[in-house]
Amino acid sequence: MTFPEIAYTLFTFSLAAVMAGIIAYYFNPKRKQQVEEPKYRMLRNDE
């Protein structure tokens, strides 16, 4: 393998790892209340 092939492979795996980390962070059950709150805030009556 040449250097560009290795570099592209490492870059691809690093992007995949970052994406997996973002998904794991966002869909963490501990964050469910924080993620769902804006949806219910829009439906709440402000009267």
PDB file of N, CA and C in Angstrom:
ATOM      1  N   MET A   1       0.831  -1.176   0.000  1.00  0.00           N
ATOM      2  CA  MET A   1       0.000   0.000   0.000  1.00  0.00           C
ATOM      3  C   MET A   1       0.884   1.251   0.000  1.00  0.00           C
ATOM      4  N   THR A   2       0.447   2.204  -0.746  1.00  0.00           N
ATOM      5  CA  THR A   2       1.178   3.464  -0.793  1.00  0.00           C
ATOM      6  C   THR A   2       0.677   4.392   0.315  1.00  0.00           C
ATOM      7  N   PHE A   3       1.445   5.456   0.536  1.00  0.00           N
ATOM      8  CA  PHE A   3       1.079   6.395   1.595  1.00  0.00           C
ATOM      9  C   PHE A   3      -0.314   7.009   1.392  1.00  0.00           C
ATOM     10  N   PRO A   4      -0.681   7.447   0.184  1.00  0.00           N
ATOM     11  CA  PRO A   4      -2.032   8.010   0.017  1.00  0.00           C
ATOM     12  C   PRO A   4      -3.137   6.997   0.344  1.00  0.00           C
ATOM     13  N   GLU A   5      -2.939   5.755   0.004  1.00  0.00           N
ATOM     14  CA  GLU A   5      -3.951   4.744   0.322  1.00  0.00           C
ATOM     15  C   GLU A   5      -4.099   4.570   1.829  1.00  0.00           C
ATOM     16  N   ILE A   6      -2.983   4.550   2.533  1.00  0.00           N
ATOM     17  CA  ILE A   6      -3.018   4.421   3.988  1.00  0.00           C
ATOM     18  C   ILE A   6      -3.666   5.655   4.615  1.00  0.00           C
ATOM     19  N   ALA A   7      -3.311   6.819   4.106  1.00  0.00           N
ATOM     20  CA  ALA A   7      -3.864   8.068   4.638  1.00  0.00           C
ATOM     21  C   ALA A   7      -5.379   8.118   4.431  1.00  0.00           C
ATOM     22  N   TYR A   8      -5.855   7.769   3.245  1.00  0.00           N
ATOM     23  CA  TYR A   8      -7.291   7.773   2.983  1.00  0.00           C
ATOM     24  C   TYR A   8      -8.011   6.749   3.842  1.00  0.00           C
ATOM     25  N   THR A   9      -7.410   5.598   4.051  1.00  0.00           N
ATOM     26  CA  THR A   9      -8.018   4.559   4.888  1.00  0.00           C
ATOM     27  C   THR A   9      -8.119   5.035   6.332  1.00  0.00           C
ATOM     28  N   LEU A  10      -7.048   5.603   6.864  1.00  0.00           N
ATOM     29  CA  LEU A  10      -7.082   6.114   8.228  1.00  0.00           C
ATOM     30  C   LEU A  10      -8.082   7.259   8.378  1.00  0.00           C
ATOM     31  N   PHE A  11      -8.150   8.124   7.393  1.00  0.00           N
ATOM     32  CA  PHE A  11      -9.094   9.229   7.417  1.00  0.00           C
ATOM     33  C   PHE A  11     -10.534   8.709   7.417  1.00  0.00           C
ATOM     34  N   THR A  12     -10.802   7.701   6.597  1.00  0.00           N
ATOM     35  CA  THR A  12     -12.142   7.121   6.532  1.00  0.00           C
ATOM     36  C   THR A  12     -12.528   6.497   7.866  1.00  0.00           C
ATOM     37  N   PHE A  13     -11.615   5.736   8.465  1.00  0.00           N
ATOM     38  CA  PHE A  13     -11.918   5.109   9.746  1.00  0.00           C
ATOM     39  C   PHE A  13     -12.070   6.149  10.855  1.00  0.00           C
ATOM     40  N   SER A  14     -11.296   7.216  10.792  1.00  0.00           N
ATOM     41  CA  SER A  14     -11.433   8.247  11.819  1.00  0.00           C
ATOM     42  C   SER A  14     -12.767   8.981  11.684  1.00  0.00           C
ATOM     43  N   LEU A  15     -13.209   9.252  10.470  1.00  0.00           N
ATOM     44  CA  LEU A  15     -14.516   9.881  10.280  1.00  0.00           C
ATOM     45  C   LEU A  15     -15.634   8.959  10.748  1.00  0.00           C
ATOM     46  N   ALA A  16     -15.510   7.668  10.471  1.00  0.00           N
ATOM     47  CA  ALA A  16     -16.517   6.707  10.924  1.00  0.00           C
ATOM     48  C   ALA A  16     -16.557   6.651  12.454  1.00  0.00           C
ATOM     49  N   ALA A  17     -15.398   6.717  13.101  1.00  0.00           N
ATOM     50  CA  ALA A  17     -15.349   6.688  14.562  1.00  0.00           C
ATOM     51  C   ALA A  17     -15.968   7.950  15.153  1.00  0.00           C
ATOM     52  N   VAL A  18     -15.697   9.091  14.553  1.00  0.00           N
ATOM     53  CA  VAL A  18     -16.294  10.346  15.027  1.00  0.00           C
ATOM     54  C   VAL A  18     -17.806  10.296  14.869  1.00  0.00           C
ATOM     55  N   MET A  19     -18.284   9.814  13.739  1.00  0.00           N
ATOM     56  CA  MET A  19     -19.727   9.712  13.502  1.00  0.00           C
ATOM     57  C   MET A  19     -20.373   8.765  14.508  1.00  0.00           C
ATOM     58  N   ALA A  20     -19.740   7.630  14.768  1.00  0.00           N
ATOM     59  CA  ALA A  20     -20.272   6.683  15.751  1.00  0.00           C
ATOM     60  C   ALA A  20     -20.303   7.309  17.145  1.00  0.00           C
ATOM     61  N   GLY A  21     -19.290   8.093  17.486  1.00  0.00           N
ATOM     62  CA  GLY A  21     -19.270   8.778  18.775  1.00  0.00           C
ATOM     63  C   GLY A  21     -20.382   9.795  18.914  1.00  0.00           C
ATOM     64  N   ILE A  22     -20.629  10.549  17.854  1.00  0.00           N
ATOM     65  CA  ILE A  22     -21.717  11.536  17.871  1.00  0.00           C
ATOM     66  C   ILE A  22     -23.061  10.839  18.039  1.00  0.00           C
ATOM     67  N   ILE A  23     -23.261   9.761  17.320  1.00  0.00           N
ATOM     68  CA  ILE A  23     -24.521   9.021  17.413  1.00  0.00           C
ATOM     69  C   ILE A  23     -24.692   8.437  18.813  1.00  0.00           C
ATOM     70  N   ALA A  24     -23.639   7.851  19.357  1.00  0.00           N
ATOM     71  CA  ALA A  24     -23.715   7.278  20.702  1.00  0.00           C
ATOM     72  C   ALA A  24     -23.988   8.362  21.738  1.00  0.00           C
ATOM     73  N   TYR A  25     -23.396   9.531  21.586  1.00  0.00           N
ATOM     74  CA  TYR A  25     -23.616  10.634  22.522  1.00  0.00           C
ATOM     75  C   TYR A  25     -25.057  11.142  22.430  1.00  0.00           C
ATOM     76  N   TYR A  26     -25.558  11.318  21.220  1.00  0.00           N
ATOM     77  CA  TYR A  26     -26.883  11.895  21.023  1.00  0.00           C
ATOM     78  C   TYR A  26     -27.974  10.946  21.496  1.00  0.00           C
ATOM     79  N   PHE A  27     -27.845   9.665  21.203  1.00  0.00           N
ATOM     80  CA  PHE A  27     -28.887   8.708  21.535  1.00  0.00           C
ATOM     81  C   PHE A  27     -28.675   8.038  22.893  1.00  0.00           C
ATOM     82  N   ASN A  28     -27.825   8.598  23.728  1.00  0.00           N
ATOM     83  CA  ASN A  28     -27.605   8.084  25.069  1.00  0.00           C
ATOM     84  C   ASN A  28     -28.897   8.244  25.875  1.00  0.00           C
ATOM     85  N   PRO A  29     -29.372   7.181  26.532  1.00  0.00           N
ATOM     86  CA  PRO A  29     -30.621   7.280  27.292  1.00  0.00           C
ATOM     87  C   PRO A  29     -30.587   8.356  28.378  1.00  0.00           C
ATOM     88  N   LYS A  30     -29.433   8.703  28.893  1.00  0.00           N
ATOM     89  CA  LYS A  30     -29.341   9.737  29.916  1.00  0.00           C
ATOM     90  C   LYS A  30     -29.702  11.117  29.362  1.00  0.00           C
ATOM     91  N   ARG A  31     -29.570  11.308  28.049  1.00  0.00           N
ATOM     92  CA  ARG A  31     -29.853  12.603  27.421  1.00  0.00           C
ATOM     93  C   ARG A  31     -31.264  12.691  26.866  1.00  0.00           C
ATOM     94  N   LYS A  32     -32.072  11.654  27.024  1.00  0.00           N
ATOM     95  CA  LYS A  32     -33.400  11.626  26.406  1.00  0.00           C
ATOM     96  C   LYS A  32     -34.240  12.837  26.811  1.00  0.00           C
ATOM     97  N   GLN A  33     -34.275  13.176  28.090  1.00  0.00           N
ATOM     98  CA  GLN A  33     -35.070  14.314  28.546  1.00  0.00           C
ATOM     99  C   GLN A  33     -34.587  15.609  27.902  1.00  0.00           C
ATOM    100  N   GLN A  34     -33.285  15.799  27.821  1.00  0.00           N
ATOM    101  CA  GLN A  34     -32.721  17.023  27.241  1.00  0.00           C
ATOM    102  C   GLN A  34     -33.010  17.110  25.742  1.00  0.00           C
ATOM    103  N   VAL A  35     -33.007  15.979  25.059  1.00  0.00           N
ATOM    104  CA  VAL A  35     -33.245  15.965  23.614  1.00  0.00           C
ATOM    105  C   VAL A  35     -34.724  16.167  23.305  1.00  0.00           C
ATOM    106  N   GLU A  36     -35.609  15.587  24.112  1.00  0.00           N
ATOM    107  CA  GLU A  36     -37.043  15.650  23.852  1.00  0.00           C
ATOM    108  C   GLU A  36     -37.692  16.945  24.341  1.00  0.00           C
ATOM    109  N   GLU A  37     -37.070  17.665  25.258  1.00  0.00           N
ATOM    110  CA  GLU A  37     -37.679  18.849  25.865  1.00  0.00           C
ATOM    111  C   GLU A  37     -38.086  19.923  24.851  1.00  0.00           C
ATOM    112  N   PRO A  38     -37.270  20.286  23.858  1.00  0.00           N
ATOM    113  CA  PRO A  38     -37.706  21.332  22.910  1.00  0.00           C
ATOM    114  C   PRO A  38     -38.976  20.957  22.138  1.00  0.00           C
ATOM    115  N   LYS A  39     -39.160  19.675  21.863  1.00  0.00           N
ATOM    116  CA  LYS A  39     -40.356  19.244  21.149  1.00  0.00           C
ATOM    117  C   LYS A  39     -41.608  19.538  21.977  1.00  0.00           C
ATOM    118  N   TYR A  40     -41.542  19.241  23.261  1.00  0.00           N
ATOM    119  CA  TYR A  40     -42.697  19.482  24.113  1.00  0.00           C
ATOM    120  C   TYR A  40     -42.860  20.967  24.450  1.00  0.00           C
ATOM    121  N   ARG A  41     -41.776  21.717  24.449  1.00  0.00           N
ATOM    122  CA  ARG A  41     -41.842  23.146  24.715  1.00  0.00           C
ATOM    123  C   ARG A  41     -42.623  23.853  23.602  1.00  0.00           C
ATOM    124  N   MET A  42     -42.498  23.398  22.365  1.00  0.00           N
ATOM    125  CA  MET A  42     -43.225  24.004  21.253  1.00  0.00           C
ATOM    126  C   MET A  42     -44.721  23.772  21.397  1.00  0.00           C
ATOM    127  N   LEU A  43     -45.111  22.629  21.944  1.00  0.00           N
ATOM    128  CA  LEU A  43     -46.516  22.292  22.054  1.00  0.00           C
ATOM    129  C   LEU A  43     -47.193  22.897  23.287  1.00  0.00           C
ATOM    130  N   ARG A  44     -46.389  23.369  24.233  1.00  0.00           N
ATOM    131  CA  ARG A  44     -46.918  23.918  25.476  1.00  0.00           C
ATOM    132  C   ARG A  44     -47.609  25.246  25.222  1.00  0.00           C
ATOM    133  N   ASN A  45     -48.705  25.455  25.902  1.00  0.00           N
ATOM    134  CA  ASN A  45     -49.415  26.729  25.837  1.00  0.00           C
ATOM    135  C   ASN A  45     -48.715  27.730  26.736  1.00  0.00           C
ATOM    136  N   ASP A  46     -48.452  28.927  26.262  1.00  0.00           N
ATOM    137  CA  ASP A  46     -47.743  29.940  27.040  1.00  0.00           C
ATOM    138  C   ASP A  46     -48.697  30.895  27.754  1.00  0.00           C
ATOM    139  N   GLU A  47     -49.949  30.572  27.776  1.00  0.00           N
ATOM    140  CA  GLU A  47     -50.930  31.482  28.370  1.00  0.00           C
ATOM    141  C   GLU A  47     -50.876  31.469  29.860  1.00  0.00           C
TER     142      GLU A  47
END
